[in-house]
Amino acid sequence: MTETTTGSDTAGGAKTADKVFAYLAALLVLCVIVQFFLAGLGVWGIDQHKIGDAKQLDAHRGFAGAVALVAILMFITALISRTSKTRIWVSILIAVLAEVVQSLLASGGEHQHWVGGLHVIDGLIILGLAGWMHRDSRALLKRG
């Protein structure tokens, strides 16, 4: 015998996904701030090395996966919750910026320093978008 879900079960799942989205948005803001700290910590520890060879940036590089994972989870929960199109599209944008664009800019910065500078600007854009999604989704936490 198959079990069907009722409309209230679906609504409850969407409500839960909304709350998870809101918490993930807050977590993403925190993760991006940690990334900036780790980058600064690493850069100030570099002693006449090429930035690609600098072991001091390993924590920053490693934590990048966590930032991208949170961004992808935000996108997935936005889809599950059937939230606004804005939240869905901004979640996609954040995931692409965190996963694809950051990697390209970081590797491009090895050859052209101005491209590496764009890596920082992209990080600020991600922080701004994550902050916006956090602020926008806080109302979801109050829904009963």
C-alpha atoms as a PDB file:
ATOM      1  CA  MET A   1       0.000   0.000   0.000  1.00  0.00           C
ATOM      2  CA  THR A   2       1.341   3.419  -0.893  1.00  0.00           C
ATOM      3  CA  GLU A   3       1.093   6.344   1.413  1.00  0.00           C
ATOM      4  CA  THR A   4       0.089   9.740   0.115  1.00  0.00           C
ATOM      5  CA  THR A   5       1.076  12.980   1.683  1.00  0.00           C
ATOM      6  CA  THR A   6      -1.526  15.469   2.692  1.00  0.00           C
ATOM      7  CA  GLY A   7      -1.403  19.146   1.916  1.00  0.00           C
ATOM      8  CA  SER A   8      -0.613  19.944   5.540  1.00  0.00           C
ATOM      9  CA  ASP A   9       2.402  17.587   5.465  1.00  0.00           C
ATOM     10  CA  THR A  10       3.703  19.386   2.395  1.00  0.00           C
ATOM     11  CA  ALA A  11       3.094  22.779   3.982  1.00  0.00           C
ATOM     12  CA  GLY A  12       4.869  21.646   7.151  1.00  0.00           C
ATOM     13  CA  GLY A  13       7.865  20.481   5.125  1.00  0.00           C
ATOM     14  CA  ALA A  14       8.025  23.784   3.287  1.00  0.00           C
ATOM     15  CA  LYS A  15       7.825  25.657   6.586  1.00  0.00           C
ATOM     16  CA  THR A  16      10.695  23.596   7.981  1.00  0.00           C
ATOM     17  CA  ALA A  17      12.725  24.193   4.812  1.00  0.00           C
ATOM     18  CA  ASP A  18      12.032  27.939   5.149  1.00  0.00           C
ATOM     19  CA  LYS A  19      13.495  27.894   8.643  1.00  0.00           C
ATOM     20  CA  VAL A  20      16.492  25.838   7.527  1.00  0.00           C
ATOM     21  CA  PHE A  21      17.036  28.358   4.707  1.00  0.00           C
ATOM     22  CA  ALA A  22      17.028  31.225   7.211  1.00  0.00           C
ATOM     23  CA  TYR A  23      19.555  29.474   9.448  1.00  0.00           C
ATOM     24  CA  LEU A  24      21.751  28.568   6.471  1.00  0.00           C
ATOM     25  CA  ALA A  25      21.723  32.207   5.345  1.00  0.00           C
ATOM     26  CA  ALA A  26      22.963  33.252   8.791  1.00  0.00           C
ATOM     27  CA  LEU A  27      25.566  30.473   8.741  1.00  0.00           C
ATOM     28  CA  LEU A  28      26.750  31.591   5.314  1.00  0.00           C
ATOM     29  CA  VAL A  29      27.309  35.140   6.567  1.00  0.00           C
ATOM     30  CA  LEU A  30      29.395  33.736   9.432  1.00  0.00           C
ATOM     31  CA  CYS A  31      31.339  31.440   7.071  1.00  0.00           C
ATOM     32  CA  VAL A  32      32.213  34.298   4.719  1.00  0.00           C
ATOM     33  CA  ILE A  33      33.424  36.418   7.648  1.00  0.00           C
ATOM     34  CA  VAL A  34      35.597  33.495   8.787  1.00  0.00           C
ATOM     35  CA  GLN A  35      36.946  33.233   5.221  1.00  0.00           C
ATOM     36  CA  PHE A  36      38.013  36.880   5.280  1.00  0.00           C
ATOM     37  CA  PHE A  37      39.730  36.301   8.636  1.00  0.00           C
ATOM     38  CA  LEU A  38      41.520  33.193   7.352  1.00  0.00           C
ATOM     39  CA  ALA A  39      42.621  35.034   4.204  1.00  0.00           C
ATOM     40  CA  GLY A  40      44.017  37.900   6.232  1.00  0.00           C
ATOM     41  CA  LEU A  41      45.701  35.509   8.638  1.00  0.00           C
ATOM     42  CA  GLY A  42      47.273  33.662   5.719  1.00  0.00           C
ATOM     43  CA  VAL A  43      48.383  36.720   3.784  1.00  0.00           C
ATOM     44  CA  TRP A  44      50.077  38.270   6.793  1.00  0.00           C
ATOM     45  CA  GLY A  45      51.915  34.977   7.338  1.00  0.00           C
ATOM     46  CA  ILE A  46      53.396  34.795   3.838  1.00  0.00           C
ATOM     47  CA  ASP A  47      57.167  35.231   3.861  1.00  0.00           C
ATOM     48  CA  GLN A  48      58.375  35.960   0.327  1.00  0.00           C
ATOM     49  CA  HIS A  49      56.510  33.026  -1.252  1.00  0.00           C
ATOM     50  CA  LYS A  50      54.316  32.970  -4.289  1.00  0.00           C
ATOM     51  CA  ILE A  51      50.759  33.053  -3.019  1.00  0.00           C
ATOM     52  CA  GLY A  52      49.977  29.722  -4.727  1.00  0.00           C
ATOM     53  CA  ASP A  53      52.776  28.019  -2.795  1.00  0.00           C
ATOM     54  CA  ALA A  54      51.980  29.654   0.550  1.00  0.00           C
ATOM     55  CA  LYS A  55      50.947  27.026   3.088  1.00  0.00           C
ATOM     56  CA  GLN A  56      49.624  29.839   5.300  1.00  0.00           C
ATOM     57  CA  LEU A  57      46.557  30.048   3.061  1.00  0.00           C
ATOM     58  CA  ASP A  58      45.678  26.352   3.368  1.00  0.00           C
ATOM     59  CA  ALA A  59      42.996  27.015   6.013  1.00  0.00           C
ATOM     60  CA  HIS A  60      41.388  29.638   3.756  1.00  0.00           C
ATOM     61  CA  ARG A  61      41.514  27.275   0.777  1.00  0.00           C
ATOM     62  CA  GLY A  62      40.147  24.362   2.779  1.00  0.00           C
ATOM     63  CA  PHE A  63      37.297  26.326   4.333  1.00  0.00           C
ATOM     64  CA  ALA A  64      36.174  27.482   0.881  1.00  0.00           C
ATOM     65  CA  GLY A  65      34.493  24.116   0.455  1.00  0.00           C
ATOM     66  CA  ALA A  66      32.373  24.764   3.545  1.00  0.00           C
ATOM     67  CA  VAL A  67      31.250  28.132   2.172  1.00  0.00           C
ATOM     68  CA  ALA A  68      30.297  26.573  -1.167  1.00  0.00           C
ATOM     69  CA  LEU A  69      28.496  23.690   0.579  1.00  0.00           C
ATOM     70  CA  VAL A  70      26.382  26.060   2.685  1.00  0.00           C
ATOM     71  CA  ALA A  71      25.542  28.081  -0.448  1.00  0.00           C
ATOM     72  CA  ILE A  72      24.461  24.930  -2.309  1.00  0.00           C
ATOM     73  CA  LEU A  73      22.395  23.760   0.687  1.00  0.00           C
ATOM     74  CA  MET A  74      20.710  27.182   0.746  1.00  0.00           C
ATOM     75  CA  PHE A  75      19.739  26.740  -2.895  1.00  0.00           C
ATOM     76  CA  ILE A  76      18.382  23.233  -2.266  1.00  0.00           C
ATOM     77  CA  THR A  77      16.305  24.373   0.719  1.00  0.00           C
ATOM     78  CA  ALA A  78      15.014  27.332  -1.306  1.00  0.00           C
ATOM     79  CA  LEU A  79      13.729  24.858  -3.889  1.00  0.00           C
ATOM     80  CA  ILE A  80      12.232  22.534  -1.265  1.00  0.00           C
ATOM     81  CA  SER A  81      10.476  25.348   0.550  1.00  0.00           C
ATOM     82  CA  ARG A  82       9.084  26.746  -2.685  1.00  0.00           C
ATOM     83  CA  THR A  83      10.124  30.158  -1.477  1.00  0.00           C
ATOM     84  CA  SER A  84      10.149  33.336  -3.540  1.00  0.00           C
ATOM     85  CA  LYS A  85      11.797  33.417  -6.947  1.00  0.00           C
ATOM     86  CA  THR A  86      14.152  36.080  -5.618  1.00  0.00           C
ATOM     87  CA  ARG A  87      15.478  33.788  -2.879  1.00  0.00           C
ATOM     88  CA  ILE A  88      15.881  30.943  -5.350  1.00  0.00           C
ATOM     89  CA  TRP A  89      17.750  33.044  -7.936  1.00  0.00           C
ATOM     90  CA  VAL A  90      19.945  34.762  -5.354  1.00  0.00           C
ATOM     91  CA  SER A  91      20.750  31.347  -3.853  1.00  0.00           C
ATOM     92  CA  ILE A  92      21.810  30.106  -7.296  1.00  0.00           C
ATOM     93  CA  LEU A  93      23.902  33.230  -7.791  1.00  0.00           C
ATOM     94  CA  ILE A  94      25.623  32.845  -4.411  1.00  0.00           C
ATOM     95  CA  ALA A  95      26.385  29.173  -5.106  1.00  0.00           C
ATOM     96  CA  VAL A  96      27.894  29.980  -8.526  1.00  0.00           C
ATOM     97  CA  LEU A  97      29.916  32.891  -7.131  1.00  0.00           C
ATOM     98  CA  ALA A  98      31.198  30.800  -4.215  1.00  0.00           C
ATOM     99  CA  GLU A  99      31.885  27.576  -6.081  1.00  0.00           C
ATOM    100  CA  VAL A 100      32.895  28.589  -9.607  1.00  0.00           C
ATOM    101  CA  VAL A 101      33.821  32.271  -9.770  1.00  0.00           C
ATOM    102  CA  GLN A 102      35.916  32.292  -6.587  1.00  0.00           C
ATOM    103  CA  SER A 103      38.002  29.351  -7.842  1.00  0.00           C
ATOM    104  CA  LEU A 104      38.549  30.941 -11.247  1.00  0.00           C
ATOM    105  CA  LEU A 105      39.521  34.299  -9.770  1.00  0.00           C
ATOM    106  CA  ALA A 106      41.867  32.753  -7.209  1.00  0.00           C
ATOM    107  CA  SER A 107      43.706  30.722  -9.844  1.00  0.00           C
ATOM    108  CA  GLY A 108      43.716  33.661 -12.264  1.00  0.00           C
ATOM    109  CA  GLY A 109      45.277  35.838  -9.589  1.00  0.00           C
ATOM    110  CA  GLU A 110      48.465  33.765  -9.827  1.00  0.00           C
ATOM    111  CA  HIS A 111      49.167  35.290 -13.228  1.00  0.00           C
ATOM    112  CA  GLN A 112      47.409  38.647 -13.025  1.00  0.00           C
ATOM    113  CA  HIS A 113      47.229  40.316  -9.610  1.00  0.00           C
ATOM    114  CA  TRP A 114      44.200  42.399 -10.577  1.00  0.00           C
ATOM    115  CA  VAL A 115      42.262  39.156 -11.127  1.00  0.00           C
ATOM    116  CA  GLY A 116      43.242  38.113  -7.608  1.00  0.00           C
ATOM    117  CA  GLY A 117      41.890  41.454  -6.436  1.00  0.00           C
ATOM    118  CA  LEU A 118      38.550  40.564  -8.014  1.00  0.00           C
ATOM    119  CA  HIS A 119      38.577  37.432  -5.836  1.00  0.00           C
ATOM    120  CA  VAL A 120      38.237  39.733  -2.822  1.00  0.00           C
ATOM    121  CA  ILE A 121      35.519  41.825  -4.497  1.00  0.00           C
ATOM    122  CA  ASP A 122      33.600  38.624  -5.314  1.00  0.00           C
ATOM    123  CA  GLY A 123      33.895  37.644  -1.643  1.00  0.00           C
ATOM    124  CA  LEU A 124      32.373  40.976  -0.660  1.00  0.00           C
ATOM    125  CA  ILE A 125      29.534  40.454  -3.138  1.00  0.00           C
ATOM    126  CA  ILE A 126      28.896  36.991  -1.663  1.00  0.00           C
ATOM    127  CA  LEU A 127      28.897  38.507   1.842  1.00  0.00           C
ATOM    128  CA  GLY A 128      26.453  41.214   0.764  1.00  0.00           C
ATOM    129  CA  LEU A 129      24.098  38.761  -0.921  1.00  0.00           C
ATOM    130  CA  ALA A 130      24.271  36.371   2.034  1.00  0.00           C
ATOM    131  CA  GLY A 131      23.541  39.248   4.407  1.00  0.00           C
ATOM    132  CA  TRP A 132      20.593  40.283   2.275  1.00  0.00           C
ATOM    133  CA  MET A 133      19.231  36.721   2.242  1.00  0.00           C
ATOM    134  CA  HIS A 134      19.697  36.473   6.000  1.00  0.00           C
ATOM    135  CA  ARG A 135      17.860  39.743   6.597  1.00  0.00           C
ATOM    136  CA  ASP A 136      15.154  38.824   4.097  1.00  0.00           C
ATOM    137  CA  SER A 137      14.631  35.358   5.562  1.00  0.00           C
ATOM    138  CA  ARG A 138      14.485  36.312   9.248  1.00  0.00           C
ATOM    139  CA  ALA A 139      10.725  36.709   8.920  1.00  0.00           C
ATOM    140  CA  LEU A 140      10.577  33.019   7.988  1.00  0.00           C
ATOM    141  CA  LEU A 141      11.755  32.150  11.505  1.00  0.00           C
ATOM    142  CA  LYS A 142       8.753  33.918  13.034  1.00  0.00           C
ATOM    143  CA  ARG A 143       6.208  31.998  10.964  1.00  0.00           C
ATOM    144  CA  GLY A 144       4.337  29.537  13.129  1.00  0.00           C
END
